[in-house]
Amino acid sequence: MFSGVLDVMVMLAILVVLVVIHEFGHFATARLFKVRVHEFGIGFPPRARVLARDQETVYTLNWLPLGGFVRLEGEEGDSRDPRSFVRQPLVKRVVILLAGVVMNILLAFVLLWAIAAFADPTVGVKFASIPADPSGQLSPAQQAGLVPMTRIGEKNGFPEFDEKSGDTIIAVDGQRFSWFDAPAGLPDGILRY
């Protein structure tokens, strides 16, 4: 049960981050175009707390952790305020509306760039079994004396292993690889080596 609750909490945290980044795109662009922003809220009302306040915007934390919102002057209809959303030229309104999607695309780019820049898929490689050589001889892995992870049971029809058991491959012949099985045109991966 704890695992399920934790999964829901992680999902909500990810959802809030994605929506807040999205709404920040609308907020920043509206401020850039001098559109009046009444509120920037994390979560949905009822309001739990006012985090900060400037001359015209209230920054709030709300009780329902399902995202966030930006409340612009005149976004729901007519307003006489010259700084309202509805009084802006069409191009500015479209840019403000698209800014949220652009922020989500930028977030995806930054996350994928960080994964590509800092992740090394060959560090800490564990394996579940050591296959035998088809000829009946010992495979190179068996000759090296590699020990696979210990199987501890089955979960949802899939084998479950003790990830703390067994050997971990960190390099082959002292060499680290960026690819397991490199696509054509890229440097050879660990499997080809």
C-alpha atoms as a PDB file:
ATOM      1  CA  MET A   1       0.000   0.000   0.000  1.00  0.00           C
ATOM      2  CA  PHE A   2       2.858   2.382   0.850  1.00  0.00           C
ATOM      3  CA  SER A   3       4.316   1.828  -2.614  1.00  0.00           C
ATOM      4  CA  GLY A   4       1.004   2.799  -4.237  1.00  0.00           C
ATOM      5  CA  VAL A   5       0.719   5.957  -2.144  1.00  0.00           C
ATOM      6  CA  LEU A   6       4.308   6.845  -2.982  1.00  0.00           C
ATOM      7  CA  ASP A   7       3.607   6.294  -6.697  1.00  0.00           C
ATOM      8  CA  VAL A   8       0.607   8.653  -6.539  1.00  0.00           C
ATOM      9  CA  MET A   9       2.662  11.281  -4.698  1.00  0.00           C
ATOM     10  CA  VAL A  10       5.471  11.097  -7.269  1.00  0.00           C
ATOM     11  CA  MET A  11       2.954  11.326 -10.120  1.00  0.00           C
ATOM     12  CA  LEU A  12       1.335  14.397  -8.549  1.00  0.00           C
ATOM     13  CA  ALA A  13       4.737  16.032  -8.007  1.00  0.00           C
ATOM     14  CA  ILE A  14       5.674  15.460 -11.662  1.00  0.00           C
ATOM     15  CA  LEU A  15       2.280  16.769 -12.801  1.00  0.00           C
ATOM     16  CA  VAL A  16       2.635  19.904 -10.680  1.00  0.00           C
ATOM     17  CA  VAL A  17       6.142  20.573 -12.022  1.00  0.00           C
ATOM     18  CA  LEU A  18       4.994  20.154 -15.639  1.00  0.00           C
ATOM     19  CA  VAL A  19       1.961  22.395 -15.173  1.00  0.00           C
ATOM     20  CA  VAL A  20       3.857  25.053 -13.195  1.00  0.00           C
ATOM     21  CA  ILE A  21       6.518  25.222 -15.940  1.00  0.00           C
ATOM     22  CA  HIS A  22       3.716  25.463 -18.522  1.00  0.00           C
ATOM     23  CA  GLU A  23       1.909  28.211 -16.604  1.00  0.00           C
ATOM     24  CA  PHE A  24       5.183  30.047 -16.013  1.00  0.00           C
ATOM     25  CA  GLY A  25       5.459  30.361 -19.804  1.00  0.00           C
ATOM     26  CA  HIS A  26       2.086  32.133 -19.906  1.00  0.00           C
ATOM     27  CA  PHE A  27       3.022  34.253 -16.873  1.00  0.00           C
ATOM     28  CA  ALA A  28       6.438  35.380 -18.126  1.00  0.00           C
ATOM     29  CA  THR A  29       5.148  36.228 -21.592  1.00  0.00           C
ATOM     30  CA  ALA A  30       2.165  38.133 -20.206  1.00  0.00           C
ATOM     31  CA  ARG A  31       4.466  40.141 -17.951  1.00  0.00           C
ATOM     32  CA  LEU A  32       6.819  40.766 -20.878  1.00  0.00           C
ATOM     33  CA  PHE A  33       3.880  42.200 -22.869  1.00  0.00           C
ATOM     34  CA  LYS A  34       2.750  44.267 -19.832  1.00  0.00           C
ATOM     35  CA  VAL A  35      -0.510  42.313 -19.435  1.00  0.00           C
ATOM     36  CA  ARG A  36      -1.875  42.541 -15.881  1.00  0.00           C
ATOM     37  CA  VAL A  37      -1.447  39.223 -14.012  1.00  0.00           C
ATOM     38  CA  HIS A  38      -3.661  38.944 -10.926  1.00  0.00           C
ATOM     39  CA  GLU A  39      -2.507  35.554  -9.636  1.00  0.00           C
ATOM     40  CA  PHE A  40       0.037  32.813 -10.229  1.00  0.00           C
ATOM     41  CA  GLY A  41      -1.150  29.713  -8.377  1.00  0.00           C
ATOM     42  CA  ILE A  42       0.487  26.369  -7.684  1.00  0.00           C
ATOM     43  CA  GLY A  43      -2.277  23.790  -7.311  1.00  0.00           C
ATOM     44  CA  PHE A  44      -5.976  24.596  -7.570  1.00  0.00           C
ATOM     45  CA  PRO A  45      -8.082  26.527  -5.018  1.00  0.00           C
ATOM     46  CA  PRO A  46      -9.077  26.666  -2.267  1.00  0.00           C
ATOM     47  CA  ARG A  47      -6.075  28.788  -1.351  1.00  0.00           C
ATOM     48  CA  ALA A  48      -3.789  27.357   1.308  1.00  0.00           C
ATOM     49  CA  ARG A  49      -1.272  30.157   1.553  1.00  0.00           C
ATOM     50  CA  VAL A  50      -0.082  33.352  -0.089  1.00  0.00           C
ATOM     51  CA  LEU A  51       3.605  32.786  -0.884  1.00  0.00           C
ATOM     52  CA  ALA A  52       4.414  36.299  -2.053  1.00  0.00           C
ATOM     53  CA  ARG A  53       2.877  39.415  -3.467  1.00  0.00           C
ATOM     54  CA  ASP A  54       4.150  42.194  -5.687  1.00  0.00           C
ATOM     55  CA  GLN A  55       2.412  45.359  -6.883  1.00  0.00           C
ATOM     56  CA  GLU A  56      -0.204  43.513  -8.919  1.00  0.00           C
ATOM     57  CA  THR A  57       0.348  39.733  -8.657  1.00  0.00           C
ATOM     58  CA  VAL A  58      -0.393  37.344  -5.804  1.00  0.00           C
ATOM     59  CA  TYR A  59       1.641  34.100  -5.760  1.00  0.00           C
ATOM     60  CA  THR A  60      -0.341  31.344  -4.058  1.00  0.00           C
ATOM     61  CA  LEU A  61      -0.079  27.754  -2.924  1.00  0.00           C
ATOM     62  CA  ASN A  62      -3.431  25.963  -3.167  1.00  0.00           C
ATOM     63  CA  TRP A  63      -4.857  22.801  -1.628  1.00  0.00           C
ATOM     64  CA  LEU A  64      -5.525  20.652  -4.723  1.00  0.00           C
ATOM     65  CA  PRO A  65      -2.129  19.478  -6.072  1.00  0.00           C
ATOM     66  CA  LEU A  66      -3.287  18.926  -9.638  1.00  0.00           C
ATOM     67  CA  GLY A  67      -1.308  21.592 -11.454  1.00  0.00           C
ATOM     68  CA  GLY A  68      -1.507  25.350 -11.356  1.00  0.00           C
ATOM     69  CA  PHE A  69      -2.894  28.418 -13.077  1.00  0.00           C
ATOM     70  CA  VAL A  70      -2.296  32.024 -14.107  1.00  0.00           C
ATOM     71  CA  ARG A  71      -5.172  34.489 -13.826  1.00  0.00           C
ATOM     72  CA  LEU A  72      -4.833  37.345 -16.327  1.00  0.00           C
ATOM     73  CA  GLU A  73      -6.963  40.483 -16.444  1.00  0.00           C
ATOM     74  CA  GLY A  74      -9.633  40.075 -19.117  1.00  0.00           C
ATOM     75  CA  GLU A  75      -8.862  36.481 -20.088  1.00  0.00           C
ATOM     76  CA  GLU A  76     -12.462  35.363 -19.514  1.00  0.00           C
ATOM     77  CA  GLY A  77     -14.231  38.186 -21.290  1.00  0.00           C
ATOM     78  CA  ASP A  78     -14.361  41.886 -21.866  1.00  0.00           C
ATOM     79  CA  SER A  79     -12.334  44.295 -19.759  1.00  0.00           C
ATOM     80  CA  ARG A  80     -11.859  48.041 -20.045  1.00  0.00           C
ATOM     81  CA  ASP A  81      -8.317  47.856 -18.673  1.00  0.00           C
ATOM     82  CA  PRO A  82      -5.849  48.672 -21.519  1.00  0.00           C
ATOM     83  CA  ARG A  83      -3.436  46.152 -19.958  1.00  0.00           C
ATOM     84  CA  SER A  84      -5.979  43.305 -20.100  1.00  0.00           C
ATOM     85  CA  PHE A  85      -5.395  40.166 -22.135  1.00  0.00           C
ATOM     86  CA  VAL A  86      -8.479  40.757 -24.282  1.00  0.00           C
ATOM     87  CA  ARG A  87      -7.277  44.262 -25.292  1.00  0.00           C
ATOM     88  CA  GLN A  88      -3.934  43.023 -26.640  1.00  0.00           C
ATOM     89  CA  PRO A  89      -3.303  42.591 -30.369  1.00  0.00           C
ATOM     90  CA  LEU A  90      -4.001  39.100 -31.719  1.00  0.00           C
ATOM     91  CA  VAL A  91      -0.288  38.330 -32.178  1.00  0.00           C
ATOM     92  CA  LYS A  92       0.479  39.029 -28.505  1.00  0.00           C
ATOM     93  CA  ARG A  93      -2.489  36.937 -27.332  1.00  0.00           C
ATOM     94  CA  VAL A  94      -1.374  34.001 -29.501  1.00  0.00           C
ATOM     95  CA  VAL A  95       2.210  34.285 -28.216  1.00  0.00           C
ATOM     96  CA  ILE A  96       0.981  34.321 -24.604  1.00  0.00           C
ATOM     97  CA  LEU A  97      -1.160  31.243 -25.246  1.00  0.00           C
ATOM     98  CA  LEU A  98       1.618  29.343 -27.043  1.00  0.00           C
ATOM     99  CA  ALA A  99       4.256  30.205 -24.422  1.00  0.00           C
ATOM    100  CA  GLY A 100       3.066  27.394 -22.138  1.00  0.00           C
ATOM    101  CA  VAL A 101       3.573  24.742 -24.807  1.00  0.00           C
ATOM    102  CA  VAL A 102       6.949  26.232 -25.722  1.00  0.00           C
ATOM    103  CA  MET A 103       8.042  25.983 -22.073  1.00  0.00           C
ATOM    104  CA  ASN A 104       7.046  22.298 -21.987  1.00  0.00           C
ATOM    105  CA  ILE A 105       9.056  21.667 -25.165  1.00  0.00           C
ATOM    106  CA  LEU A 106      12.048  23.495 -23.653  1.00  0.00           C
ATOM    107  CA  LEU A 107      11.723  21.446 -20.455  1.00  0.00           C
ATOM    108  CA  ALA A 108      11.703  18.216 -22.481  1.00  0.00           C
ATOM    109  CA  PHE A 109      14.776  19.388 -24.406  1.00  0.00           C
ATOM    110  CA  VAL A 110      16.650  20.297 -21.206  1.00  0.00           C
ATOM    111  CA  LEU A 111      15.783  16.989 -19.526  1.00  0.00           C
ATOM    112  CA  LEU A 112      16.793  14.913 -22.553  1.00  0.00           C
ATOM    113  CA  TRP A 113      19.982  16.951 -22.961  1.00  0.00           C
ATOM    114  CA  ALA A 114      20.849  16.375 -19.283  1.00  0.00           C
ATOM    115  CA  ILE A 115      20.240  12.648 -19.617  1.00  0.00           C
ATOM    116  CA  ALA A 116      22.403  12.466 -22.738  1.00  0.00           C
ATOM    117  CA  ALA A 117      25.122  14.658 -21.222  1.00  0.00           C
ATOM    118  CA  PHE A 118      25.402  13.073 -17.780  1.00  0.00           C
ATOM    119  CA  ALA A 119      24.026   9.545 -18.000  1.00  0.00           C
ATOM    120  CA  ASP A 120      26.287   6.612 -18.755  1.00  0.00           C
ATOM    121  CA  PRO A 121      24.192   3.544 -19.557  1.00  0.00           C
ATOM    122  CA  THR A 122      27.106   1.171 -19.023  1.00  0.00           C
ATOM    123  CA  VAL A 123      27.810   2.193 -15.435  1.00  0.00           C
ATOM    124  CA  GLY A 124      26.404  -0.330 -13.037  1.00  0.00           C
ATOM    125  CA  VAL A 125      25.185  -2.919 -15.561  1.00  0.00           C
ATOM    126  CA  LYS A 126      23.742  -5.935 -13.775  1.00  0.00           C
ATOM    127  CA  PHE A 127      22.538  -9.129 -15.383  1.00  0.00           C
ATOM    128  CA  ALA A 128      20.045 -11.813 -14.444  1.00  0.00           C
ATOM    129  CA  SER A 129      21.685 -14.861 -16.012  1.00  0.00           C
ATOM    130  CA  ILE A 130      24.764 -16.035 -17.818  1.00  0.00           C
ATOM    131  CA  PRO A 131      23.847 -17.849 -21.026  1.00  0.00           C
ATOM    132  CA  ALA A 132      25.839 -20.915 -21.974  1.00  0.00           C
ATOM    133  CA  ASP A 133      27.851 -21.015 -25.191  1.00  0.00           C
ATOM    134  CA  PRO A 134      25.809 -22.769 -27.957  1.00  0.00           C
ATOM    135  CA  SER A 135      28.729 -25.143 -28.623  1.00  0.00           C
ATOM    136  CA  GLY A 136      28.492 -26.530 -25.086  1.00  0.00           C
ATOM    137  CA  GLN A 137      31.743 -24.859 -23.989  1.00  0.00           C
ATOM    138  CA  LEU A 138      31.970 -22.302 -21.220  1.00  0.00           C
ATOM    139  CA  SER A 139      31.011 -18.827 -22.395  1.00  0.00           C
ATOM    140  CA  PRO A 140      33.508 -15.979 -21.892  1.00  0.00           C
ATOM    141  CA  ALA A 141      31.315 -14.686 -19.042  1.00  0.00           C
ATOM    142  CA  GLN A 142      31.370 -18.101 -17.374  1.00  0.00           C
ATOM    143  CA  GLN A 143      35.139 -18.341 -17.891  1.00  0.00           C
ATOM    144  CA  ALA A 144      35.551 -14.939 -16.224  1.00  0.00           C
ATOM    145  CA  GLY A 145      33.543 -16.202 -13.249  1.00  0.00           C
ATOM    146  CA  LEU A 146      30.796 -13.573 -13.438  1.00  0.00           C
ATOM    147  CA  VAL A 147      27.999 -14.074 -10.923  1.00  0.00           C
ATOM    148  CA  PRO A 148      24.414 -13.108 -11.921  1.00  0.00           C
ATOM    149  CA  MET A 149      21.842 -11.551  -9.591  1.00  0.00           C
ATOM    150  CA  THR A 150      19.949 -13.931  -7.305  1.00  0.00           C
ATOM    151  CA  ARG A 151      16.350 -14.618  -8.273  1.00  0.00           C
ATOM    152  CA  ILE A 152      14.090 -13.992  -5.262  1.00  0.00           C
ATOM    153  CA  GLY A 153      10.681 -14.687  -6.736  1.00  0.00           C
ATOM    154  CA  GLU A 154       8.141 -13.519  -9.261  1.00  0.00           C
ATOM    155  CA  LYS A 155       5.979 -10.381  -9.439  1.00  0.00           C
ATOM    156  CA  ASN A 156       3.149  -9.854 -11.942  1.00  0.00           C
ATOM    157  CA  GLY A 157       4.402 -12.760 -14.034  1.00  0.00           C
ATOM    158  CA  PHE A 158       7.975 -11.449 -14.252  1.00  0.00           C
ATOM    159  CA  PRO A 159      11.010 -12.752 -12.390  1.00  0.00           C
ATOM    160  CA  GLU A 160      12.227 -10.582  -9.515  1.00  0.00           C
ATOM    161  CA  PHE A 161      15.910 -10.311  -8.591  1.00  0.00           C
ATOM    162  CA  ASP A 162      17.912  -9.095  -5.614  1.00  0.00           C
ATOM    163  CA  GLU A 163      19.649  -6.097  -7.178  1.00  0.00           C
ATOM    164  CA  LYS A 164      22.290  -6.047  -4.441  1.00  0.00           C
ATOM    165  CA  SER A 165      23.484  -9.528  -5.397  1.00  0.00           C
ATOM    166  CA  GLY A 166      25.698 -10.531  -8.311  1.00  0.00           C
ATOM    167  CA  ASP A 167      28.489  -8.773 -10.135  1.00  0.00           C
ATOM    168  CA  THR A 168      28.263  -5.338 -11.703  1.00  0.00           C
ATOM    169  CA  ILE A 169      29.934  -4.590 -15.030  1.00  0.00           C
ATOM    170  CA  ILE A 170      31.595  -1.177 -14.930  1.00  0.00           C
ATOM    171  CA  ALA A 171      34.061  -1.660 -17.806  1.00  0.00           C
ATOM    172  CA  VAL A 172      35.219  -4.294 -20.285  1.00  0.00           C
ATOM    173  CA  ASP A 173      38.974  -4.747 -20.614  1.00  0.00           C
ATOM    174  CA  GLY A 174      39.312  -1.477 -18.702  1.00  0.00           C
ATOM    175  CA  GLN A 175      37.311   0.357 -21.362  1.00  0.00           C
ATOM    176  CA  ARG A 176      33.985   2.126 -20.769  1.00  0.00           C
ATOM    177  CA  PHE A 177      31.390   2.298 -23.529  1.00  0.00           C
ATOM    178  CA  SER A 178      28.698   4.862 -24.236  1.00  0.00           C
ATOM    179  CA  TRP A 179      26.531   2.407 -26.176  1.00  0.00           C
ATOM    180  CA  PHE A 180      25.448  -1.165 -25.570  1.00  0.00           C
ATOM    181  CA  ASP A 181      24.697  -1.892 -29.195  1.00  0.00           C
ATOM    182  CA  ALA A 182      25.533   1.135 -31.286  1.00  0.00           C
ATOM    183  CA  PRO A 183      23.391   1.913 -34.351  1.00  0.00           C
ATOM    184  CA  ALA A 184      25.093   2.015 -37.740  1.00  0.00           C
ATOM    185  CA  GLY A 185      27.420   4.974 -38.149  1.00  0.00           C
ATOM    186  CA  LEU A 186      28.119   5.419 -34.431  1.00  0.00           C
ATOM    187  CA  PRO A 187      31.151   4.173 -32.500  1.00  0.00           C
ATOM    188  CA  ASP A 188      30.996   0.511 -31.602  1.00  0.00           C
ATOM    189  CA  GLY A 189      29.125  -0.411 -28.457  1.00  0.00           C
ATOM    190  CA  ILE A 190      29.901  -2.866 -25.703  1.00  0.00           C
ATOM    191  CA  LEU A 191      28.008  -5.735 -27.387  1.00  0.00           C
ATOM    192  CA  ARG A 192      30.026  -5.428 -30.613  1.00  0.00           C
ATOM    193  CA  TYR A 193      33.260  -5.201 -28.622  1.00  0.00           C
END
